[in-house]
Amino acid sequence: MQREPLNLLFVIVDLYGGAGVYAKTLAAGLKRYADRPVRIHLMLFRNPDLGDEDILLFDQITRLDLPVHADWRRSFETVRDIRRLGDALKA
C-alpha cells in the first residue's frame, strides 16, 4: 500500500552559510532515508542563484526576493517580511 507523501516547508533566508547547508543536508537525507515519499517546498527570503544540485533537492522553490539586512533596518523590515511570508503561504 502506497503511503501518503510527507509534505514539508523549509523557510530560510538563503542557502548560504550554516543554516543553508543544514537545510540541504536535511532535504537530501529525508529524500533518501524516509520510509515514505517526501515532498519538500523551499521558500527563500532572498533571490540567490541556485546550482543544479540545489534545485534537484527540492520539489518546489519560492523566492520572495526580500532584502535581509543585518543593521538597524532589520527592525523595520520584520512587519513587511511577515506579511509577504503570510501572503506566500496562502498562495
Protein backbone atom coordinates (compact mmCIF):
# COMPACT_ATOMS: atom_id res chain seq x y z
CA MET A 1 0.00 0.00 0.00
CA GLN A 2 1.35 3.42 -1.01
CA ARG A 3 1.66 5.83 1.90
CA GLU A 4 0.76 9.48 1.62
CA PRO A 5 3.77 11.73 0.93
CA LEU A 6 5.22 13.78 3.74
CA ASN A 7 4.92 17.45 2.75
CA LEU A 8 7.47 19.79 4.32
CA LEU A 9 8.11 23.51 4.03
CA PHE A 10 11.57 24.94 4.70
CA VAL A 11 11.58 28.75 5.11
CA ILE A 12 15.09 30.20 5.17
CA VAL A 13 16.91 33.41 4.26
CA ASP A 14 19.08 31.71 1.63
CA LEU A 15 21.06 28.52 1.13
CA TYR A 16 24.43 30.01 2.02
CA GLY A 17 26.07 29.54 5.39
CA GLY A 18 25.35 27.05 8.15
CA ALA A 19 21.55 27.09 8.03
CA GLY A 20 21.57 26.61 4.27
CA VAL A 21 23.94 23.67 4.48
CA TYR A 22 21.73 22.16 7.18
CA ALA A 23 18.59 22.60 5.03
CA LYS A 24 20.25 20.95 2.02
CA THR A 25 21.62 18.08 4.11
CA LEU A 26 18.25 17.52 5.78
CA ALA A 27 16.45 17.52 2.42
CA ALA A 28 18.88 15.03 0.92
CA GLY A 29 18.68 12.75 3.96
CA LEU A 30 14.89 12.81 4.11
CA LYS A 31 14.54 12.03 0.43
CA ARG A 32 16.99 9.16 0.71
CA TYR A 33 16.07 7.55 4.02
CA ALA A 34 12.42 8.40 4.78
CA ASP A 35 10.04 5.45 4.89
CA ARG A 36 7.62 7.25 2.56
CA PRO A 37 7.80 9.79 -0.26
CA VAL A 38 8.86 13.27 0.84
CA ARG A 39 7.91 16.50 -0.94
CA ILE A 40 9.95 19.49 0.17
CA HIS A 41 8.99 23.07 -0.65
CA LEU A 42 11.78 25.61 -0.14
CA MET A 43 10.85 29.24 0.48
CA LEU A 44 13.74 31.73 0.33
CA PHE A 45 13.65 35.33 1.53
CA ARG A 46 16.45 36.32 -0.85
CA ASN A 47 16.69 35.52 -4.55
CA PRO A 48 20.06 33.75 -4.82
CA ASP A 49 21.41 31.89 -7.80
CA LEU A 50 20.96 28.18 -7.13
CA GLY A 51 23.05 25.42 -8.59
CA ASP A 52 21.54 22.42 -10.34
CA GLU A 53 22.32 20.20 -7.35
CA ASP A 54 20.42 22.55 -5.02
CA ILE A 55 17.42 22.70 -7.33
CA LEU A 56 17.18 18.91 -7.51
CA LEU A 57 16.92 18.61 -3.71
CA PHE A 58 13.61 20.49 -3.54
CA ASP A 59 10.30 19.79 -5.27
CA GLN A 60 9.26 23.42 -5.32
CA ILE A 61 11.21 26.64 -4.74
CA THR A 62 9.64 30.02 -4.00
CA ARG A 63 11.80 33.13 -3.88
CA LEU A 64 10.27 36.07 -2.01
CA ASP A 65 13.07 38.42 -3.18
CA LEU A 66 13.14 40.38 0.08
CA PRO A 67 16.23 42.24 1.21
CA VAL A 68 17.57 40.97 4.53
CA HIS A 69 19.75 43.44 6.39
CA ALA A 70 21.87 42.94 9.48
CA ASP A 71 21.72 46.56 10.67
CA TRP A 72 19.04 48.86 12.16
CA ARG A 73 16.80 48.45 9.08
CA ARG A 74 16.05 44.88 10.12
CA SER A 75 13.69 46.04 12.90
CA PHE A 76 11.52 47.90 10.38
CA GLU A 77 11.56 45.13 7.78
CA THR A 78 10.13 42.47 10.08
CA VAL A 79 6.48 43.53 9.69
CA ARG A 80 6.81 43.69 5.91
CA ASP A 81 8.51 40.30 5.81
CA ILE A 82 5.82 38.66 7.95
CA ARG A 83 3.11 40.00 5.62
CA ARG A 84 4.90 38.77 2.50
CA LEU A 85 5.53 35.39 4.10
CA GLY A 86 1.85 35.12 5.08
CA ASP A 87 0.76 36.01 1.55
CA ALA A 88 3.13 33.45 0.08
CA LEU A 89 1.85 30.74 2.39
CA LYS A 90 -1.75 31.45 1.41
CA ALA A 91 -0.91 31.17 -2.30
